[in-house]
C-alpha atoms as a PDB file:
ATOM      1  CA  MET A   1    -208.001-160.779  44.326  1.00  0.00           C
ATOM      2  CA  ALA A   2    -209.191-160.199  40.785  1.00  0.00           C
ATOM      3  CA  ASN A   3    -207.212-161.385  37.813  1.00  0.00           C
ATOM      4  CA  PHE A   4    -207.159-158.580  35.224  1.00  0.00           C
ATOM      5  CA  LYS A   5    -207.560-160.569  32.032  1.00  0.00           C
ATOM      6  CA  GLN A   6    -206.385-159.297  28.685  1.00  0.00           C
ATOM      7  CA  LYS A   7    -207.652-159.702  25.148  1.00  0.00           C
ATOM      8  CA  LYS A   8    -206.073-159.074  21.756  1.00  0.00           C
ATOM      9  CA  PHE A   9    -208.307-157.416  19.180  1.00  0.00           C
ATOM     10  CA  THR A  10    -207.461-156.919  15.507  1.00  0.00           C
ATOM     11  CA  ALA A  11    -209.293-153.989  13.939  1.00  0.00           C
ATOM     12  CA  LYS A  12    -210.477-154.064  10.337  1.00  0.00           C
ATOM     13  CA  ASN A  13    -207.523-151.841   9.389  1.00  0.00           C
ATOM     14  CA  GLY A  14    -205.127-154.520  10.711  1.00  0.00           C
ATOM     15  CA  THR A  15    -204.022-152.764  13.907  1.00  0.00           C
ATOM     16  CA  VAL A  16    -203.758-155.141  16.868  1.00  0.00           C
ATOM     17  CA  TYR A  17    -204.908-153.730  20.219  1.00  0.00           C
ATOM     18  CA  THR A  18    -204.514-155.215  23.677  1.00  0.00           C
ATOM     19  CA  PHE A  19    -207.399-154.661  26.068  1.00  0.00           C
ATOM     20  CA  GLN A  20    -207.033-155.143  29.814  1.00  0.00           C
ATOM     21  CA  HIS A  21    -210.009-155.499  32.120  1.00  0.00           C
ATOM     22  CA  PRO A  22    -209.755-152.770  34.793  1.00  0.00           C
ATOM     23  CA  GLY A  23    -211.684-154.721  37.449  1.00  0.00           C
ATOM     24  CA  VAL A  24    -215.370-154.776  38.319  1.00  0.00           C
ATOM     25  CA  ARG A  25    -215.329-151.704  40.570  1.00  0.00           C
ATOM     26  CA  ASN A  26    -213.580-149.654  37.893  1.00  0.00           C
ATOM     27  CA  VAL A  27    -216.036-150.858  35.240  1.00  0.00           C
ATOM     28  CA  THR A  28    -218.930-149.573  37.354  1.00  0.00           C
ATOM     29  CA  LYS A  29    -217.127-146.255  37.835  1.00  0.00           C
ATOM     30  CA  ILE A  30    -216.503-145.997  34.095  1.00  0.00           C
ATOM     31  CA  THR A  31    -220.121-146.732  33.208  1.00  0.00           C
ATOM     32  CA  ASP A  32    -221.201-144.028  35.669  1.00  0.00           C
ATOM     33  CA  ARG A  33    -218.716-141.449  34.366  1.00  0.00           C
ATOM     34  CA  VAL A  34    -219.641-141.805  30.692  1.00  0.00           C
ATOM     35  CA  LYS A  35    -223.294-140.824  31.230  1.00  0.00           C
ATOM     36  CA  ASN A  36    -224.795-137.361  31.127  1.00  0.00           C
ATOM     37  CA  LYS A  37    -227.228-136.096  33.799  1.00  0.00           C
ATOM     38  CA  HIS A  38    -230.071-137.988  32.094  1.00  0.00           C
ATOM     39  CA  GLY A  39    -228.211-141.309  32.138  1.00  0.00           C
ATOM     40  CA  VAL A  40    -227.375-141.291  28.439  1.00  0.00           C
ATOM     41  CA  PRO A  41    -223.846-142.459  27.509  1.00  0.00           C
ATOM     42  CA  LEU A  42    -221.787-139.848  25.655  1.00  0.00           C
ATOM     43  CA  ASP A  43    -219.510-140.937  22.798  1.00  0.00           C
ATOM     44  CA  GLU A  44    -216.596-138.687  23.706  1.00  0.00           C
ATOM     45  CA  ARG A  45    -216.552-139.710  27.359  1.00  0.00           C
ATOM     46  CA  LEU A  46    -216.851-143.398  26.464  1.00  0.00           C
ATOM     47  CA  ALA A  47    -213.981-143.159  23.979  1.00  0.00           C
ATOM     48  CA  ASP A  48    -211.777-141.316  26.477  1.00  0.00           C
ATOM     49  CA  GLU A  49    -212.483-143.881  29.209  1.00  0.00           C
ATOM     50  CA  MET A  50    -211.842-146.904  26.960  1.00  0.00           C
ATOM     51  CA  LEU A  51    -208.640-145.480  25.509  1.00  0.00           C
ATOM     52  CA  THR A  52    -207.354-144.425  28.937  1.00  0.00           C
ATOM     53  CA  HIS A  53    -208.324-147.415  31.087  1.00  0.00           C
ATOM     54  CA  VAL A  54    -208.863-150.427  28.789  1.00  0.00           C
ATOM     55  CA  VAL A  55    -206.731-150.126  25.638  1.00  0.00           C
ATOM     56  CA  VAL A  56    -203.232-150.759  26.969  1.00  0.00           C
ATOM     57  CA  GLU A  57    -201.321-151.379  23.738  1.00  0.00           C
ATOM     58  CA  PRO A  58    -200.779-149.400  21.631  1.00  0.00           C
ATOM     59  CA  LYS A  59    -201.518-146.329  23.736  1.00  0.00           C
ATOM     60  CA  VAL A  60    -203.711-144.147  21.528  1.00  0.00           C
ATOM     61  CA  ARG A  61    -205.826-141.012  21.778  1.00  0.00           C
ATOM     62  CA  MET A  62    -208.926-140.130  19.780  1.00  0.00           C
ATOM     63  CA  GLU A  63    -206.812-137.853  17.595  1.00  0.00           C
ATOM     64  CA  ASP A  64    -204.690-140.838  16.515  1.00  0.00           C
ATOM     65  CA  PHE A  65    -207.538-142.469  14.578  1.00  0.00           C
ATOM     66  CA  GLU A  66    -207.980-141.904  10.845  1.00  0.00           C
ATOM     67  CA  SER A  67    -211.788-141.960  11.008  1.00  0.00           C
ATOM     68  CA  TYR A  68    -214.707-141.975  13.403  1.00  0.00           C
ATOM     69  CA  THR A  69    -215.539-145.474  12.144  1.00  0.00           C
ATOM     70  CA  ASP A  70    -212.089-146.759  13.177  1.00  0.00           C
ATOM     71  CA  LEU A  71    -212.457-145.141  16.605  1.00  0.00           C
ATOM     72  CA  THR A  72    -215.933-146.521  17.270  1.00  0.00           C
ATOM     73  CA  GLU A  73    -214.880-150.020  16.202  1.00  0.00           C
ATOM     74  CA  VAL A  74    -212.150-150.121  18.875  1.00  0.00           C
ATOM     75  CA  VAL A  75    -214.180-148.348  21.568  1.00  0.00           C
ATOM     76  CA  SER A  76    -217.225-150.588  21.023  1.00  0.00           C
ATOM     77  CA  GLU A  77    -215.147-153.750  21.193  1.00  0.00           C
ATOM     78  CA  ALA A  78    -213.338-152.544  24.333  1.00  0.00           C
ATOM     79  CA  PHE A  79    -216.640-151.684  26.038  1.00  0.00           C
ATOM     80  CA  ALA A  80    -218.130-155.056  25.097  1.00  0.00           C
ATOM     81  CA  PHE A  81    -215.028-156.735  26.561  1.00  0.00           C
ATOM     82  CA  ILE A  82    -215.210-155.025  29.975  1.00  0.00           C
ATOM     83  CA  THR A  83    -218.986-155.382  30.326  1.00  0.00           C
ATOM     84  CA  GLY A  84    -219.121-159.018  29.235  1.00  0.00           C
ATOM     85  CA  ARG A  85    -221.278-158.205  26.223  1.00  0.00           C
ATOM     86  CA  GLU A  86    -218.822-159.746  23.775  1.00  0.00           C
ATOM     87  CA  GLN A  87    -220.136-163.183  24.766  1.00  0.00           C
ATOM     88  CA  GLU A  88    -223.725-162.073  24.082  1.00  0.00           C
ATOM     89  CA  THR A  89    -222.688-161.010  20.584  1.00  0.00           C
ATOM     90  CA  ALA A  90    -221.031-164.370  19.949  1.00  0.00           C
ATOM     91  CA  ASP A  91    -224.145-166.173  21.201  1.00  0.00           C
ATOM     92  CA  ASP A  92    -226.356-164.178  18.804  1.00  0.00           C
ATOM     93  CA  ASP A  93    -224.642-165.882  15.885  1.00  0.00           C
ATOM     94  CA  GLN A  94    -225.918-169.234  17.130  1.00  0.00           C
ATOM     95  CA  GLN A  95    -229.610-168.401  16.902  1.00  0.00           C
ATOM     96  CA  PRO A  96    -231.658-170.267  14.330  1.00  0.00           C
ATOM     97  CA  GLY A  97    -232.395-168.293  11.212  1.00  0.00           C
ATOM     98  CA  SER A  98    -229.425-165.948  11.455  1.00  0.00           C
END
């Protein structure tokens, strides 16, 4: 049985969010649902999916954000968390010359 790990994330505006991993099967369903018929991810669908299924505290909707920048910061971090890409980002900082 999967352990649905959580992560705290502090946005640049100081708001603390709690992300919860929805499980591998649900991640694959989410990544399928956010794409259009050509396989291109759509911002609105991605934001809705992250805010509904990953951001567990505080419960927010797109309309609750002050700016698009604030929204994309949270959505991007949540997506990186569930897809395991947050580790890749951390590893990038360790490359020589960066």
